Amino acid sequence: MSDSDEKNVMLYMLAGVGLGAIIGAAAGLLFAPKAGSETREELAGKLKELKGKTEEWLNEQRAKRHTKDAVEEVGA
């Protein structure tokens, strides 16, 4: 298995774990004995937090890729 394939497998595994955590957290919020408005506010807050973390992670990955591409262009 090449290094690229191993990275892809790890990425898919982490994505699966993250998706499972999101689904579990959402189920916990939806089945908790709270008022509907409280649940919606909490869920909206968690989704905003997740969106921010996801955007941050994507930006880091893009920066790493651009750095790697630049290094390969230079031939180092």
N, C-alpha and C. Protein backbone atom coordinates (compact mmCIF):
# COMPACT_ATOMS: atom_id res chain seq x y z
N MET A 1 0.85 -1.17 0.00
CA MET A 1 0.00 0.00 0.00
C MET A 1 0.90 1.24 0.00
N SER A 2 0.62 2.20 -0.86
CA SER A 2 1.47 3.38 -0.94
C SER A 2 1.16 4.34 0.21
N ASP A 3 2.05 5.28 0.39
CA ASP A 3 1.91 6.26 1.46
C ASP A 3 0.63 7.08 1.29
N SER A 4 0.31 7.39 0.04
CA SER A 4 -0.91 8.15 -0.26
C SER A 4 -2.16 7.35 0.10
N ASP A 5 -2.15 6.06 -0.21
CA ASP A 5 -3.30 5.21 0.12
C ASP A 5 -3.49 5.11 1.63
N GLU A 6 -2.39 5.02 2.37
CA GLU A 6 -2.47 4.93 3.82
C GLU A 6 -3.04 6.22 4.40
N LYS A 7 -2.65 7.36 3.84
CA LYS A 7 -3.18 8.65 4.30
C LYS A 7 -4.68 8.74 4.02
N ASN A 8 -5.10 8.25 2.83
CA ASN A 8 -6.52 8.27 2.49
C ASN A 8 -7.33 7.39 3.43
N VAL A 9 -6.80 6.21 3.76
CA VAL A 9 -7.50 5.31 4.68
C VAL A 9 -7.65 5.98 6.03
N MET A 10 -6.58 6.62 6.52
CA MET A 10 -6.62 7.30 7.81
C MET A 10 -7.62 8.46 7.78
N LEU A 11 -7.65 9.19 6.69
CA LEU A 11 -8.57 10.31 6.55
C LEU A 11 -10.02 9.82 6.59
N TYR A 12 -10.32 8.74 5.86
CA TYR A 12 -11.68 8.21 5.86
C TYR A 12 -12.06 7.66 7.24
N MET A 13 -11.10 7.06 7.93
CA MET A 13 -11.38 6.54 9.26
C MET A 13 -11.69 7.69 10.23
N LEU A 14 -10.89 8.74 10.17
CA LEU A 14 -11.14 9.90 11.04
C LEU A 14 -12.46 10.57 10.70
N ALA A 15 -12.78 10.65 9.42
CA ALA A 15 -14.06 11.23 9.01
C ALA A 15 -15.22 10.39 9.55
N GLY A 16 -15.08 9.07 9.49
CA GLY A 16 -16.13 8.18 10.02
C GLY A 16 -16.30 8.34 11.52
N VAL A 17 -15.19 8.43 12.24
CA VAL A 17 -15.26 8.62 13.69
C VAL A 17 -15.92 9.96 14.00
N GLY A 18 -15.53 10.99 13.26
CA GLY A 18 -16.12 12.32 13.47
C GLY A 18 -17.60 12.34 13.18
N LEU A 19 -17.99 11.68 12.10
CA LEU A 19 -19.41 11.62 11.76
C LEU A 19 -20.20 10.87 12.82
N GLY A 20 -19.64 9.79 13.33
CA GLY A 20 -20.29 9.03 14.39
C GLY A 20 -20.45 9.86 15.65
N ALA A 21 -19.43 10.66 15.98
CA ALA A 21 -19.51 11.53 17.15
C ALA A 21 -20.59 12.58 16.97
N ILE A 22 -20.69 13.12 15.78
CA ILE A 22 -21.71 14.13 15.50
C ILE A 22 -23.11 13.54 15.63
N ILE A 23 -23.30 12.38 15.04
CA ILE A 23 -24.61 11.72 15.11
C ILE A 23 -24.96 11.38 16.56
N GLY A 24 -23.99 10.88 17.32
CA GLY A 24 -24.23 10.56 18.72
C GLY A 24 -24.58 11.79 19.54
N ALA A 25 -23.86 12.88 19.31
CA ALA A 25 -24.13 14.13 20.04
C ALA A 25 -25.51 14.67 19.67
N ALA A 26 -25.85 14.62 18.40
CA ALA A 26 -27.17 15.11 17.97
C ALA A 26 -28.28 14.26 18.57
N ALA A 27 -28.10 12.95 18.59
CA ALA A 27 -29.11 12.06 19.18
C ALA A 27 -29.25 12.35 20.67
N GLY A 28 -28.13 12.56 21.35
CA GLY A 28 -28.18 12.88 22.77
C GLY A 28 -28.93 14.17 23.04
N LEU A 29 -28.69 15.16 22.20
CA LEU A 29 -29.40 16.44 22.37
C LEU A 29 -30.89 16.31 22.08
N LEU A 30 -31.21 15.56 21.04
CA LEU A 30 -32.61 15.44 20.64
C LEU A 30 -33.44 14.63 21.63
N PHE A 31 -32.81 13.67 22.31
CA PHE A 31 -33.56 12.83 23.24
C PHE A 31 -33.44 13.28 24.69
N ALA A 32 -32.71 14.36 24.93
CA ALA A 32 -32.56 14.87 26.29
C ALA A 32 -33.88 15.53 26.73
N PRO A 33 -34.21 15.40 28.01
CA PRO A 33 -35.47 15.99 28.49
C PRO A 33 -35.36 17.50 28.69
N LYS A 34 -35.39 18.24 27.60
CA LYS A 34 -35.32 19.70 27.63
C LYS A 34 -36.44 20.26 26.78
N ALA A 35 -36.66 21.54 26.96
CA ALA A 35 -37.64 22.23 26.11
C ALA A 35 -37.10 22.27 24.68
N GLY A 36 -37.99 22.28 23.72
CA GLY A 36 -37.58 22.29 22.32
C GLY A 36 -36.71 23.47 21.96
N SER A 37 -37.03 24.64 22.49
CA SER A 37 -36.24 25.84 22.17
C SER A 37 -34.82 25.71 22.72
N GLU A 38 -34.67 25.14 23.91
CA GLU A 38 -33.34 24.94 24.48
C GLU A 38 -32.53 23.98 23.62
N THR A 39 -33.17 22.91 23.21
CA THR A 39 -32.50 21.90 22.39
C THR A 39 -32.05 22.50 21.07
N ARG A 40 -32.92 23.28 20.44
CA ARG A 40 -32.58 23.90 19.16
C ARG A 40 -31.41 24.87 19.31
N GLU A 41 -31.43 25.67 20.39
CA GLU A 41 -30.34 26.62 20.62
C GLU A 41 -29.03 25.88 20.85
N GLU A 42 -29.07 24.82 21.64
CA GLU A 42 -27.86 24.05 21.92
C GLU A 42 -27.34 23.37 20.65
N LEU A 43 -28.24 22.81 19.88
CA LEU A 43 -27.86 22.15 18.64
C LEU A 43 -27.26 23.15 17.65
N ALA A 44 -27.87 24.33 17.55
CA ALA A 44 -27.34 25.36 16.66
C ALA A 44 -25.94 25.79 17.09
N GLY A 45 -25.74 25.91 18.39
CA GLY A 45 -24.41 26.28 18.90
C GLY A 45 -23.37 25.22 18.58
N LYS A 46 -23.74 23.95 18.77
CA LYS A 46 -22.81 22.86 18.47
C LYS A 46 -22.48 22.81 16.98
N LEU A 47 -23.49 23.04 16.13
CA LEU A 47 -23.25 23.02 14.69
C LEU A 47 -22.33 24.16 14.27
N LYS A 48 -22.51 25.34 14.89
CA LYS A 48 -21.63 26.47 14.58
C LYS A 48 -20.19 26.15 14.98
N GLU A 49 -20.05 25.55 16.16
CA GLU A 49 -18.72 25.17 16.64
C GLU A 49 -18.08 24.15 15.70
N LEU A 50 -18.86 23.16 15.29
CA LEU A 50 -18.37 22.14 14.37
C LEU A 50 -17.97 22.74 13.03
N LYS A 51 -18.78 23.66 12.53
CA LYS A 51 -18.48 24.31 11.27
C LYS A 51 -17.16 25.07 11.36
N GLY A 52 -16.96 25.77 12.46
CA GLY A 52 -15.71 26.51 12.65
C GLY A 52 -14.50 25.59 12.70
N LYS A 53 -14.63 24.48 13.44
CA LYS A 53 -13.53 23.53 13.53
C LYS A 53 -13.25 22.87 12.18
N THR A 54 -14.30 22.56 11.44
CA THR A 54 -14.14 21.94 10.13
C THR A 54 -13.44 22.90 9.17
N GLU A 55 -13.85 24.17 9.17
CA GLU A 55 -13.22 25.15 8.29
C GLU A 55 -11.75 25.33 8.66
N GLU A 56 -11.46 25.35 9.96
CA GLU A 56 -10.08 25.48 10.41
C GLU A 56 -9.24 24.29 9.94
N TRP A 57 -9.78 23.09 10.09
CA TRP A 57 -9.06 21.88 9.67
C TRP A 57 -8.83 21.89 8.16
N LEU A 58 -9.85 22.27 7.39
CA LEU A 58 -9.70 22.33 5.93
C LEU A 58 -8.64 23.34 5.52
N ASN A 59 -8.63 24.49 6.18
CA ASN A 59 -7.62 25.50 5.86
C ASN A 59 -6.21 24.99 6.17
N GLU A 60 -6.06 24.26 7.28
CA GLU A 60 -4.76 23.68 7.62
C GLU A 60 -4.33 22.67 6.56
N GLN A 61 -5.27 21.84 6.11
CA GLN A 61 -4.94 20.83 5.10
C GLN A 61 -4.56 21.48 3.78
N ARG A 62 -5.27 22.54 3.41
CA ARG A 62 -4.94 23.25 2.17
C ARG A 62 -3.55 23.88 2.26
N ALA A 63 -3.24 24.47 3.42
CA ALA A 63 -1.93 25.09 3.60
C ALA A 63 -0.83 24.03 3.52
N LYS A 64 -1.06 22.87 4.12
CA LYS A 64 -0.07 21.79 4.05
C LYS A 64 0.13 21.34 2.61
N ARG A 65 -0.98 21.20 1.88
CA ARG A 65 -0.89 20.76 0.49
C ARG A 65 -0.13 21.77 -0.36
N HIS A 66 -0.43 23.08 -0.15
CA HIS A 66 0.25 24.11 -0.92
C HIS A 66 1.74 24.14 -0.60
N THR A 67 2.08 23.95 0.67
CA THR A 67 3.48 23.91 1.07
C THR A 67 4.18 22.73 0.42
N LYS A 68 3.52 21.56 0.43
CA LYS A 68 4.11 20.36 -0.17
C LYS A 68 4.29 20.57 -1.68
N ASP A 69 3.28 21.16 -2.34
CA ASP A 69 3.37 21.40 -3.78
C ASP A 69 4.51 22.37 -4.09
N ALA A 70 4.67 23.40 -3.25
CA ALA A 70 5.73 24.38 -3.49
C ALA A 70 7.10 23.73 -3.33
N VAL A 71 7.25 22.87 -2.33
CA VAL A 71 8.51 22.18 -2.11
C VAL A 71 8.82 21.27 -3.29
N GLU A 72 7.82 20.58 -3.81
CA GLU A 72 8.02 19.69 -4.95
C GLU A 72 8.40 20.48 -6.20
N GLU A 73 7.84 21.69 -6.37
CA GLU A 73 8.18 22.52 -7.53
C GLU A 73 9.63 22.95 -7.49
N VAL A 74 10.09 23.29 -6.29
CA VAL A 74 11.46 23.75 -6.13
C VAL A 74 12.41 22.57 -6.31
N GLY A 75 11.93 21.39 -6.00
CA GLY A 75 12.74 20.19 -6.18
C GLY A 75 13.54 19.81 -4.95
N ALA A 76 13.07 20.28 -3.80
CA ALA A 76 13.79 19.95 -2.56
C ALA A 76 13.41 18.59 -2.04
